[in-house]
Each structure stands twice: as structure tokens, then as C-alpha cells.
Amino acid sequence: MNHSIQLNHEKKYIHYSHQGIIERKEIGIVWTQLLSMEEFTLGRYNLLSDYRGATFNFTITETDVIEHFLESIKTVLQGKRNAVIVDKPQETAIASLFEYNTCDKINFHVKTFSTEEAAIRFLT
């Protein structure tokens, strides 16, 4: 698993970056780490998910498990923003699915971007 998590205390967001091939279970591992961070659960920090250079090794039809998981932690996610940076068509399609579904269901504002600058503007 090739990922990193960094905190930006000034702008109050967590920068999660993942490269290479990403299995669905690896996203769950990262979310476990995020949920153990007080800045994310209590500190109202937003999330920057950076998937540039990454390839999801699952399809849109296999994302229901992730969606159900996000619904199960909606009390933590409500009102937060998640800027997702992607640079490939399949990853954009999967990220867009969450953009349209999660905001309505759990008030978790997900938006897909192609540049880090635009993503940070959304978060701050």
C-alpha cells in the first residue's frame, strides 16, 4: 500500500495521497487511520483525497460497500468537505459517483478536481 497522510493545520485539512494500484480494502484501511485522528473526528478538518497517479482496482458497481461505510459514519462526516483529485477517466467516474450520492444522503460535500489548487480552494 503506497499512501501518505499529512495535516495542514493552517488551513485545517488532511491531505491523503495514494499512488499505484488501489484495492477497495486499502481505502478502508486509510479510513480507519483517518477515523483515529482527532483532527478529523473532532477538529472539523476537511479531507483532500489525492489519487493522481493511482488506479482503482475495482469498478463503479463495486463501490456500494464504500457508500454503506460512509453512511455508517455520517455523524463524523456531516458538514465536512472532501476534495478528490483524479487524473484518469475511470477514477473520475468513480469519484463523481460519490460526489453526487454522498452530499444528498449524509451532508458530506464531495467534489472532484483535476488540480490541487482548485481542490484546496474548495476546502478553505
Foldseek 3Di string as FASTA:
>chain_A
DAWDWDADVVLQAIEIEDAEEDEPVVVVVVVVVQVVDCSQQPVLGAYEYEYERYDYPDALVPCVVVVVVCLVPLVSQAQHEYEYAYDDDRVVVNQVVCQPPVCVRRVHHYDYDNDPVVSSVVRD
